[in-house]
C-alpha atoms as a PDB file:
ATOM      1  CA  MET A   1       0.000   0.000   0.000  1.00  0.00           C
ATOM      2  CA  SER A   2       1.477   3.324  -1.066  1.00  0.00           C
ATOM      3  CA  VAL A   3       1.728   6.298   1.282  1.00  0.00           C
ATOM      4  CA  TYR A   4       0.688   9.689  -0.085  1.00  0.00           C
ATOM      5  CA  PRO A   5       3.516  12.247  -0.162  1.00  0.00           C
ATOM      6  CA  ILE A   6       2.142  15.005   2.078  1.00  0.00           C
ATOM      7  CA  ILE A   7       1.957  14.312   5.809  1.00  0.00           C
ATOM      8  CA  LEU A   8       0.783  16.260   8.840  1.00  0.00           C
ATOM      9  CA  SER A   9       3.631  16.889  11.299  1.00  0.00           C
ATOM     10  CA  GLN A  10       2.660  18.758  14.460  1.00  0.00           C
ATOM     11  CA  THR A  11       0.307  21.345  12.911  1.00  0.00           C
ATOM     12  CA  LYS A  12       2.257  21.805   9.659  1.00  0.00           C
ATOM     13  CA  PHE A  13       2.288  19.965   6.340  1.00  0.00           C
ATOM     14  CA  ALA A  14       5.469  18.475   4.911  1.00  0.00           C
ATOM     15  CA  HIS A  15       6.752  15.871   2.471  1.00  0.00           C
ATOM     16  CA  LYS A  16       6.964  12.412   4.050  1.00  0.00           C
ATOM     17  CA  GLU A  17      10.716  12.173   3.375  1.00  0.00           C
ATOM     18  CA  ASN A  18      11.301  15.187   5.625  1.00  0.00           C
ATOM     19  CA  LEU A  19       9.730  13.672   8.750  1.00  0.00           C
ATOM     20  CA  ASN A  20      12.394  13.150  11.419  1.00  0.00           C
ATOM     21  CA  TYR A  21      12.267  12.716  15.199  1.00  0.00           C
ATOM     22  CA  PRO A  22      15.149  12.255  17.676  1.00  0.00           C
ATOM     23  CA  PHE A  23      16.015   8.677  18.611  1.00  0.00           C
ATOM     24  CA  GLU A  24      14.975   9.471  22.200  1.00  0.00           C
ATOM     25  CA  GLU A  25      11.287   9.545  21.342  1.00  0.00           C
ATOM     26  CA  ARG A  26       8.756   8.219  23.837  1.00  0.00           C
ATOM     27  CA  ALA A  27       6.608   6.392  21.291  1.00  0.00           C
ATOM     28  CA  MET A  28       9.672   4.392  20.227  1.00  0.00           C
ATOM     29  CA  GLN A  29      11.098   3.779  23.692  1.00  0.00           C
ATOM     30  CA  PHE A  30       7.958   3.368  25.815  1.00  0.00           C
ATOM     31  CA  GLY A  31       5.007   3.042  23.426  1.00  0.00           C
ATOM     32  CA  ASP A  32       3.983   6.260  25.187  1.00  0.00           C
ATOM     33  CA  GLY A  33       1.245   7.485  22.907  1.00  0.00           C
ATOM     34  CA  VAL A  34      -2.103   6.839  21.248  1.00  0.00           C
ATOM     35  CA  TYR A  35      -3.356   6.571  17.683  1.00  0.00           C
ATOM     36  CA  GLU A  36      -6.355   6.372  15.362  1.00  0.00           C
ATOM     37  CA  VAL A  37      -7.066   4.841  11.963  1.00  0.00           C
ATOM     38  CA  ILE A  38      -9.780   6.627   9.970  1.00  0.00           C
ATOM     39  CA  ARG A  39     -11.382   5.099   6.877  1.00  0.00           C
ATOM     40  CA  ILE A  40     -11.641   7.104   3.650  1.00  0.00           C
ATOM     41  CA  TYR A  41     -14.109   6.302   0.869  1.00  0.00           C
ATOM     42  CA  ASN A  42     -13.888   8.074  -2.489  1.00  0.00           C
ATOM     43  CA  GLY A  43     -11.770  10.774  -0.883  1.00  0.00           C
ATOM     44  CA  ASN A  44     -14.152  11.317   2.069  1.00  0.00           C
ATOM     45  CA  PHE A  45     -13.598  10.526   5.738  1.00  0.00           C
ATOM     46  CA  TYR A  46     -15.995   8.016   7.291  1.00  0.00           C
ATOM     47  CA  LEU A  47     -16.954   8.590  10.972  1.00  0.00           C
ATOM     48  CA  ILE A  48     -14.299  11.271  11.423  1.00  0.00           C
ATOM     49  CA  GLU A  49     -16.118  12.927  14.338  1.00  0.00           C
ATOM     50  CA  GLU A  50     -16.274   9.630  16.222  1.00  0.00           C
ATOM     51  CA  HIS A  51     -12.578   8.956  15.615  1.00  0.00           C
ATOM     52  CA  VAL A  52     -11.492  12.443  16.674  1.00  0.00           C
ATOM     53  CA  ASP A  53     -13.583  12.130  19.848  1.00  0.00           C
ATOM     54  CA  ARG A  54     -11.920   8.794  20.679  1.00  0.00           C
ATOM     55  CA  PHE A  55      -8.457  10.224  19.918  1.00  0.00           C
ATOM     56  CA  PHE A  56      -9.043  12.947  22.493  1.00  0.00           C
ATOM     57  CA  ARG A  57     -10.407  10.434  25.026  1.00  0.00           C
ATOM     58  CA  SER A  58      -7.355   8.221  24.611  1.00  0.00           C
ATOM     59  CA  ALA A  59      -4.944  11.153  24.916  1.00  0.00           C
ATOM     60  CA  GLU A  60      -6.700  12.351  28.064  1.00  0.00           C
ATOM     61  CA  ALA A  61      -6.608   8.848  29.550  1.00  0.00           C
ATOM     62  CA  VAL A  62      -2.807   8.698  29.250  1.00  0.00           C
ATOM     63  CA  LYS A  63      -2.378  12.374  30.260  1.00  0.00           C
ATOM     64  CA  ILE A  64      -1.090  13.687  26.930  1.00  0.00           C
ATOM     65  CA  LYS A  65      -2.042  17.304  26.266  1.00  0.00           C
ATOM     66  CA  LEU A  66      -3.011  17.971  22.665  1.00  0.00           C
ATOM     67  CA  PRO A  67      -2.158  21.390  21.153  1.00  0.00           C
ATOM     68  CA  PHE A  68      -5.460  21.828  19.317  1.00  0.00           C
ATOM     69  CA  THR A  69      -9.209  21.535  19.724  1.00  0.00           C
ATOM     70  CA  LYS A  70     -11.282  18.792  18.109  1.00  0.00           C
ATOM     71  CA  ASN A  71     -12.457  21.220  15.434  1.00  0.00           C
ATOM     72  CA  GLU A  72      -8.898  22.353  14.716  1.00  0.00           C
ATOM     73  CA  LEU A  73      -7.693  18.753  14.364  1.00  0.00           C
ATOM     74  CA  THR A  74     -10.612  17.906  12.065  1.00  0.00           C
ATOM     75  CA  SER A  75      -9.746  20.904   9.903  1.00  0.00           C
ATOM     76  CA  LEU A  76      -6.090  19.824   9.714  1.00  0.00           C
ATOM     77  CA  LEU A  77      -7.046  16.296   8.673  1.00  0.00           C
ATOM     78  CA  ASN A  78      -9.441  17.581   6.017  1.00  0.00           C
ATOM     79  CA  ASN A  79      -6.675  19.820   4.691  1.00  0.00           C
ATOM     80  CA  LEU A  80      -4.403  16.783   4.526  1.00  0.00           C
ATOM     81  CA  LEU A  81      -6.955  15.119   2.230  1.00  0.00           C
ATOM     82  CA  LEU A  82      -7.019  18.171   0.002  1.00  0.00           C
ATOM     83  CA  LYS A  83      -3.236  18.531  -0.168  1.00  0.00           C
ATOM     84  CA  ASN A  84      -2.960  14.897  -1.296  1.00  0.00           C
ATOM     85  CA  SER A  85      -5.836  15.278  -3.799  1.00  0.00           C
ATOM     86  CA  LEU A  86      -7.613  12.208  -2.410  1.00  0.00           C
ATOM     87  CA  THR A  87     -10.347  10.725  -4.605  1.00  0.00           C
ATOM     88  CA  THR A  88      -9.983   6.990  -3.869  1.00  0.00           C
ATOM     89  CA  ASP A  89     -10.452   4.553  -0.982  1.00  0.00           C
ATOM     90  CA  ALA A  90      -7.730   4.906   1.640  1.00  0.00           C
ATOM     91  CA  LYS A  91      -7.035   5.135   5.363  1.00  0.00           C
ATOM     92  CA  LEU A  92      -5.477   7.791   7.559  1.00  0.00           C
ATOM     93  CA  TYR A  93      -3.099   6.943  10.389  1.00  0.00           C
ATOM     94  CA  LEU A  94      -2.905   9.528  13.193  1.00  0.00           C
ATOM     95  CA  GLN A  95      -0.497   9.280  16.139  1.00  0.00           C
ATOM     96  CA  VAL A  96       0.574  11.349  19.113  1.00  0.00           C
ATOM     97  CA  SER A  97       3.358  10.579  21.566  1.00  0.00           C
ATOM     98  CA  ARG A  98       4.305  12.402  24.735  1.00  0.00           C
ATOM     99  CA  GLY A  99       7.294  13.835  22.891  1.00  0.00           C
ATOM    100  CA  SER A 100      11.071  13.655  22.584  1.00  0.00           C
ATOM    101  CA  ALA A 101      13.172  13.719  25.752  1.00  0.00           C
ATOM    102  CA  THR A 102      15.990  11.976  27.588  1.00  0.00           C
ATOM    103  CA  ARG A 103      14.830   8.441  28.409  1.00  0.00           C
ATOM    104  CA  ASP A 104      13.181   8.356  31.823  1.00  0.00           C
ATOM    105  CA  HIS A 105      10.034   6.585  32.982  1.00  0.00           C
ATOM    106  CA  LEU A 106       8.726   9.832  34.511  1.00  0.00           C
ATOM    107  CA  PHE A 107       6.895  12.276  32.243  1.00  0.00           C
ATOM    108  CA  PRO A 108       9.322  14.881  30.858  1.00  0.00           C
ATOM    109  CA  ALA A 109       8.633  18.484  31.829  1.00  0.00           C
ATOM    110  CA  ASP A 110       7.947  21.198  29.256  1.00  0.00           C
ATOM    111  CA  VAL A 111       8.067  18.888  26.230  1.00  0.00           C
ATOM    112  CA  ASP A 112       5.704  19.226  23.286  1.00  0.00           C
ATOM    113  CA  ALA A 113       3.795  16.197  22.087  1.00  0.00           C
ATOM    114  CA  ASN A 114       4.873  14.696  18.756  1.00  0.00           C
ATOM    115  CA  ILE A 115       1.975  14.401  16.312  1.00  0.00           C
ATOM    116  CA  TYR A 116       1.837  13.114  12.776  1.00  0.00           C
ATOM    117  CA  ALA A 117      -0.690  11.770  10.300  1.00  0.00           C
ATOM    118  CA  TYR A 118      -0.380  10.183   6.879  1.00  0.00           C
ATOM    119  CA  ILE A 119      -2.648   8.617   4.272  1.00  0.00           C
ATOM    120  CA  GLN A 120      -2.262   5.203   2.695  1.00  0.00           C
ATOM    121  CA  ASP A 121      -4.177   3.524  -0.128  1.00  0.00           C
ATOM    122  CA  GLN A 122      -6.648   0.924   1.213  1.00  0.00           C
ATOM    123  CA  ALA A 123      -8.910  -0.876  -1.243  1.00  0.00           C
ATOM    124  CA  ARG A 124     -12.016  -2.595   0.107  1.00  0.00           C
ATOM    125  CA  ASN A 125     -11.585  -6.338   0.690  1.00  0.00           C
ATOM    126  CA  THR A 126     -14.572  -7.310  -1.426  1.00  0.00           C
ATOM    127  CA  SER A 127     -13.786 -11.024  -1.614  1.00  0.00           C
ATOM    128  CA  ALA A 128     -13.679 -11.358   2.179  1.00  0.00           C
ATOM    129  CA  LEU A 129     -16.797  -9.217   2.560  1.00  0.00           C
ATOM    130  CA  ASN A 130     -18.640 -11.456   0.107  1.00  0.00           C
ATOM    131  CA  ASP A 131     -17.382 -14.869   1.218  1.00  0.00           C
ATOM    132  CA  GLY A 132     -16.537 -14.432   4.903  1.00  0.00           C
ATOM    133  CA  VAL A 133     -13.314 -15.333   6.711  1.00  0.00           C
ATOM    134  CA  LYS A 134     -11.730 -17.917   8.964  1.00  0.00           C
ATOM    135  CA  THR A 135     -10.713 -17.037  12.532  1.00  0.00           C
ATOM    136  CA  ILE A 136      -9.096 -18.731  15.507  1.00  0.00           C
ATOM    137  CA  THR A 137      -9.610 -18.307  19.249  1.00  0.00           C
ATOM    138  CA  HIS A 138      -6.712 -17.017  21.328  1.00  0.00           C
ATOM    139  CA  PRO A 139      -6.208 -16.106  25.018  1.00  0.00           C
ATOM    140  CA  ASP A 140      -6.574 -12.397  25.755  1.00  0.00           C
ATOM    141  CA  VAL A 141      -3.391 -11.457  27.621  1.00  0.00           C
ATOM    142  CA  ARG A 142      -3.619  -7.689  27.120  1.00  0.00           C
ATOM    143  CA  TRP A 143      -3.664  -5.034  29.834  1.00  0.00           C
ATOM    144  CA  GLU A 144      -6.832  -3.835  31.586  1.00  0.00           C
ATOM    145  CA  TYR A 145      -7.222  -0.558  29.672  1.00  0.00           C
ATOM    146  CA  CYS A 146      -8.065  -1.744  26.165  1.00  0.00           C
ATOM    147  CA  TYR A 147     -10.509   1.134  25.698  1.00  0.00           C
ATOM    148  CA  ILE A 148      -7.437   3.361  25.268  1.00  0.00           C
ATOM    149  CA  LYS A 149      -6.172   3.124  21.690  1.00  0.00           C
ATOM    150  CA  SER A 150      -2.565   3.055  22.831  1.00  0.00           C
ATOM    151  CA  LEU A 151       0.613   2.194  20.951  1.00  0.00           C
ATOM    152  CA  ASN A 152       1.222  -0.839  23.214  1.00  0.00           C
ATOM    153  CA  LEU A 153       0.035  -3.466  20.753  1.00  0.00           C
ATOM    154  CA  LEU A 154       2.510  -6.341  21.111  1.00  0.00           C
ATOM    155  CA  PRO A 155      -0.098  -8.846  22.454  1.00  0.00           C
ATOM    156  CA  ASN A 156      -2.417  -7.874  19.569  1.00  0.00           C
ATOM    157  CA  VAL A 157       0.410  -8.283  17.068  1.00  0.00           C
ATOM    158  CA  LEU A 158       1.305 -11.732  18.428  1.00  0.00           C
ATOM    159  CA  ALA A 159      -2.335 -12.875  18.317  1.00  0.00           C
ATOM    160  CA  LYS A 160      -2.788 -11.574  14.776  1.00  0.00           C
ATOM    161  CA  GLN A 161       0.426 -13.279  13.672  1.00  0.00           C
ATOM    162  CA  THR A 162      -0.702 -16.585  15.225  1.00  0.00           C
ATOM    163  CA  ALA A 163      -3.957 -16.289  13.293  1.00  0.00           C
ATOM    164  CA  SER A 164      -2.077 -15.662  10.047  1.00  0.00           C
ATOM    165  CA  GLU A 165       0.226 -18.636  10.659  1.00  0.00           C
ATOM    166  CA  ASN A 166      -2.903 -20.788  10.991  1.00  0.00           C
ATOM    167  CA  GLY A 167      -4.397 -19.528   7.739  1.00  0.00           C
ATOM    168  CA  ALA A 168      -6.902 -17.272   9.525  1.00  0.00           C
ATOM    169  CA  TYR A 169      -7.891 -13.639   9.109  1.00  0.00           C
ATOM    170  CA  GLU A 170      -8.304 -12.782  12.795  1.00  0.00           C
ATOM    171  CA  ALA A 171      -7.890 -14.027  16.363  1.00  0.00           C
ATOM    172  CA  ILE A 172     -10.960 -13.980  18.632  1.00  0.00           C
ATOM    173  CA  LEU A 173      -9.660 -13.126  22.104  1.00  0.00           C
ATOM    174  CA  HIS A 174     -11.058 -14.551  25.340  1.00  0.00           C
ATOM    175  CA  LYS A 175     -10.417 -14.246  29.075  1.00  0.00           C
ATOM    176  CA  ASN A 176     -11.359 -17.305  31.134  1.00  0.00           C
ATOM    177  CA  GLY A 177     -13.562 -18.442  28.278  1.00  0.00           C
ATOM    178  CA  ILE A 178     -15.389 -15.094  27.906  1.00  0.00           C
ATOM    179  CA  VAL A 179     -14.967 -13.574  24.452  1.00  0.00           C
ATOM    180  CA  THR A 180     -13.818  -9.938  24.569  1.00  0.00           C
ATOM    181  CA  GLU A 181     -12.975  -8.854  21.007  1.00  0.00           C
ATOM    182  CA  CYS A 182     -10.494  -9.661  18.249  1.00  0.00           C
ATOM    183  CA  SER A 183      -6.867  -8.617  17.917  1.00  0.00           C
ATOM    184  CA  SER A 184      -7.845  -5.573  15.805  1.00  0.00           C
ATOM    185  CA  SER A 185     -11.651  -5.597  15.644  1.00  0.00           C
ATOM    186  CA  ASN A 186     -14.863  -6.037  17.620  1.00  0.00           C
ATOM    187  CA  VAL A 187     -16.733  -9.341  17.367  1.00  0.00           C
ATOM    188  CA  TYR A 188     -20.421 -10.317  17.511  1.00  0.00           C
ATOM    189  CA  LEU A 189     -22.407 -13.551  17.790  1.00  0.00           C
ATOM    190  CA  ILE A 190     -25.946 -13.992  16.453  1.00  0.00           C
ATOM    191  CA  LYS A 191     -28.269 -16.587  17.936  1.00  0.00           C
ATOM    192  CA  ASP A 192     -32.029 -16.874  17.383  1.00  0.00           C
ATOM    193  CA  GLY A 193     -32.176 -13.463  15.726  1.00  0.00           C
ATOM    194  CA  ILE A 194     -30.344 -11.606  18.543  1.00  0.00           C
ATOM    195  CA  ILE A 195     -26.901  -9.995  18.233  1.00  0.00           C
ATOM    196  CA  TYR A 196     -24.607 -10.435  21.247  1.00  0.00           C
ATOM    197  CA  THR A 197     -21.371  -8.559  21.870  1.00  0.00           C
ATOM    198  CA  HIS A 198     -19.164  -7.838  24.880  1.00  0.00           C
ATOM    199  CA  PRO A 199     -20.309  -4.886  27.006  1.00  0.00           C
ATOM    200  CA  THR A 200     -18.570  -1.537  26.534  1.00  0.00           C
ATOM    201  CA  THR A 201     -16.035  -1.790  29.364  1.00  0.00           C
ATOM    202  CA  LYS A 202     -12.360  -0.969  29.777  1.00  0.00           C
ATOM    203  CA  ASN A 203     -11.550  -4.465  28.516  1.00  0.00           C
ATOM    204  CA  ILE A 204     -12.435  -3.721  24.886  1.00  0.00           C
ATOM    205  CA  LEU A 205     -11.893  -0.939  22.383  1.00  0.00           C
ATOM    206  CA  HIS A 206     -15.037   1.133  21.892  1.00  0.00           C
ATOM    207  CA  GLY A 207     -15.064   0.781  18.127  1.00  0.00           C
ATOM    208  CA  CYS A 208     -16.401   3.573  15.932  1.00  0.00           C
ATOM    209  CA  VAL A 209     -17.887   1.077  13.465  1.00  0.00           C
ATOM    210  CA  ARG A 210     -19.256  -0.824  16.492  1.00  0.00           C
ATOM    211  CA  MET A 211     -21.242   2.291  17.456  1.00  0.00           C
ATOM    212  CA  GLN A 212     -22.520   2.565  13.906  1.00  0.00           C
ATOM    213  CA  VAL A 213     -23.578  -1.103  13.861  1.00  0.00           C
ATOM    214  CA  GLU A 214     -25.657  -0.474  16.976  1.00  0.00           C
ATOM    215  CA  LYS A 215     -27.495   2.243  15.041  1.00  0.00           C
ATOM    216  CA  PHE A 216     -27.951  -0.041  12.027  1.00  0.00           C
ATOM    217  CA  ALA A 217     -29.354  -2.818  14.215  1.00  0.00           C
ATOM    218  CA  LYS A 218     -31.816  -0.422  15.833  1.00  0.00           C
ATOM    219  CA  ASP A 219     -32.987   0.886  12.439  1.00  0.00           C
ATOM    220  CA  LEU A 220     -33.414  -2.702  11.196  1.00  0.00           C
ATOM    221  CA  ASN A 221     -35.245  -3.795  14.353  1.00  0.00           C
ATOM    222  CA  ILE A 222     -32.597  -6.412  15.094  1.00  0.00           C
ATOM    223  CA  PRO A 223     -32.169  -6.881  18.863  1.00  0.00           C
ATOM    224  CA  LEU A 224     -28.607  -6.184  20.009  1.00  0.00           C
ATOM    225  CA  LYS A 225     -27.559  -7.051  23.544  1.00  0.00           C
ATOM    226  CA  GLU A 226     -24.290  -6.010  25.165  1.00  0.00           C
ATOM    227  CA  GLU A 227     -23.943  -9.347  26.913  1.00  0.00           C
ATOM    228  CA  PRO A 228     -20.793 -11.468  26.938  1.00  0.00           C
ATOM    229  CA  PHE A 229     -20.729 -14.817  25.184  1.00  0.00           C
ATOM    230  CA  THR A 230     -18.276 -17.671  25.632  1.00  0.00           C
ATOM    231  CA  VAL A 231     -15.935 -19.683  23.449  1.00  0.00           C
ATOM    232  CA  ASP A 232     -18.289 -22.632  23.956  1.00  0.00           C
ATOM    233  CA  ASP A 233     -21.189 -20.553  22.564  1.00  0.00           C
ATOM    234  CA  ILE A 234     -19.369 -20.113  19.244  1.00  0.00           C
ATOM    235  CA  SER A 235     -20.112 -23.622  17.971  1.00  0.00           C
ATOM    236  CA  GLN A 236     -23.851 -23.011  18.523  1.00  0.00           C
ATOM    237  CA  ALA A 237     -23.932 -19.605  16.790  1.00  0.00           C
ATOM    238  CA  ASP A 238     -26.160 -18.972  13.792  1.00  0.00           C
ATOM    239  CA  GLU A 239     -23.840 -16.210  12.552  1.00  0.00           C
ATOM    240  CA  ILE A 240     -20.668 -14.436  13.687  1.00  0.00           C
ATOM    241  CA  PHE A 241     -19.148 -11.248  12.313  1.00  0.00           C
ATOM    242  CA  LEU A 242     -16.515  -8.680  13.182  1.00  0.00           C
ATOM    243  CA  THR A 243     -16.220  -4.933  12.631  1.00  0.00           C
ATOM    244  CA  SER A 244     -13.442  -2.377  12.295  1.00  0.00           C
ATOM    245  CA  SER A 245     -12.635   0.671  10.197  1.00  0.00           C
ATOM    246  CA  THR A 246     -10.661  -1.371   7.661  1.00  0.00           C
ATOM    247  CA  SER A 247     -12.654  -4.641   7.868  1.00  0.00           C
ATOM    248  CA  GLU A 248     -16.098  -2.949   7.826  1.00  0.00           C
ATOM    249  CA  VAL A 249     -18.835  -5.535   8.658  1.00  0.00           C
ATOM    250  CA  LEU A 250     -17.055  -8.797   7.925  1.00  0.00           C
ATOM    251  CA  PRO A 251     -18.719 -12.245   8.155  1.00  0.00           C
ATOM    252  CA  ILE A 252     -16.919 -15.059   9.977  1.00  0.00           C
ATOM    253  CA  VAL A 253     -17.699 -18.484   8.544  1.00  0.00           C
ATOM    254  CA  THR A 254     -15.132 -20.635  10.382  1.00  0.00           C
ATOM    255  CA  VAL A 255     -13.708 -20.517  13.923  1.00  0.00           C
ATOM    256  CA  ASP A 256     -10.980 -23.021  14.890  1.00  0.00           C
ATOM    257  CA  ASP A 257     -12.043 -25.251  11.974  1.00  0.00           C
ATOM    258  CA  THR A 258     -15.662 -25.206  13.220  1.00  0.00           C
ATOM    259  CA  GLN A 259     -18.162 -24.128  10.570  1.00  0.00           C
ATOM    260  CA  ILE A 260     -20.507 -21.353  11.629  1.00  0.00           C
ATOM    261  CA  GLY A 261     -24.130 -21.922  10.595  1.00  0.00           C
ATOM    262  CA  ASN A 262     -24.226 -23.296   7.081  1.00  0.00           C
ATOM    263  CA  GLY A 263     -20.736 -22.013   6.294  1.00  0.00           C
ATOM    264  CA  ILE A 264     -21.750 -18.892   4.365  1.00  0.00           C
ATOM    265  CA  PRO A 265     -22.441 -15.318   5.541  1.00  0.00           C
ATOM    266  CA  GLY A 266     -25.803 -15.172   7.294  1.00  0.00           C
ATOM    267  CA  HIS A 267     -28.931 -13.141   6.598  1.00  0.00           C
ATOM    268  CA  LEU A 268     -28.626 -10.627   9.465  1.00  0.00           C
ATOM    269  CA  THR A 269     -24.953 -10.040   8.742  1.00  0.00           C
ATOM    270  CA  ARG A 270     -25.892  -9.289   5.130  1.00  0.00           C
ATOM    271  CA  LEU A 271     -28.512  -6.776   6.297  1.00  0.00           C
ATOM    272  CA  LEU A 272     -25.887  -4.975   8.392  1.00  0.00           C
ATOM    273  CA  GLN A 273     -23.453  -5.007   5.467  1.00  0.00           C
ATOM    274  CA  ASN A 274     -26.116  -3.436   3.258  1.00  0.00           C
ATOM    275  CA  ALA A 275     -26.733  -0.761   5.894  1.00  0.00           C
ATOM    276  CA  TYR A 276     -23.003  -0.015   5.956  1.00  0.00           C
ATOM    277  CA  GLU A 277     -22.910   0.225   2.147  1.00  0.00           C
ATOM    278  CA  ASN A 278     -25.858   2.626   2.181  1.00  0.00           C
ATOM    279  CA  ASP A 279     -24.111   4.727   4.818  1.00  0.00           C
ATOM    280  CA  ILE A 280     -21.065   5.062   2.553  1.00  0.00           C
ATOM    281  CA  LYS A 281     -23.278   6.064  -0.377  1.00  0.00           C
ATOM    282  CA  THR A 282     -25.012   8.674   1.781  1.00  0.00           C
ATOM    283  CA  LEU A 283     -21.636  10.059   2.863  1.00  0.00           C
ATOM    284  CA  THR A 284     -20.460  10.396  -0.722  1.00  0.00           C
ATOM    285  CA  SER A 285     -23.705  11.906  -2.015  1.00  0.00           C
ATOM    286  CA  ASN A 286     -23.793  14.455   0.816  1.00  0.00           C
ATOM    287  CA  LYS A 287     -20.219  15.463  -0.005  1.00  0.00           C
ATOM    288  CA  VAL A 288     -21.146  16.001  -3.655  1.00  0.00           C
ATOM    289  CA  GLU A 289     -24.122  18.173  -2.658  1.00  0.00           C
ATOM    290  CA  GLN A 290     -21.953  20.296  -0.352  1.00  0.00           C
ATOM    291  CA  THR A 291     -19.354  20.962  -3.055  1.00  0.00           C
ATOM    292  CA  SER A 292     -21.737  21.514  -5.993  1.00  0.00           C
END
């Protein structure tokens, strides 16, 4: 995936080859920072307000002071789209660290946060969306503050790599048999026409697409309960799907070599996918109306 040439560095725009930080940088040495990934369709941000809100929540949770308001950050990110002449499907990566300072576990005094954002091509995974994917289950060994979108992702990386080594798209994480989420997405189980997903606690990331799926389910009159389900419940599921900004609403058809339902994406998952597609179309059409 190619990276577009113009990046956001602090509150300025620069060519990506000119981005440099000192080697004593707290993101590199401590994972001391937070991030966001924002989906772009046809050159338009999807759920940007929700992502910016979560970025500020994460920064506040780890006591990083941001040098702009939510509106100012949104304006900067929109300008980044314009400067890169975005018209295709892509994703934006946004990161802030506590800054550059002599290595010490204590917060450095009077140091500015380091902020950057860049855009990368990201085509939609239509084959996976149409056919569904295989997943595995994996113990959830992460810390207790998963609602913070922090840079400390080594357990997620290891789980995702284990899934890949087993020919799977994702790893469904569980603590003492209770399913939490996936290594980089939220996960849902459907049984008898009801959607189940882990409650919104500190143990999971409060996904932006997850919030949108809740709205879709309400509009479609599909009951959605924030109730935990277990690894043992998976084999009895009618449907399972996952959500994230890059995976969208993605059907799961196999878990640990166990077929889910009849082995093809289920009816309710398809309804939610259609709702997501319509939401993208609405976003694009509204953008056209605003600029015409």
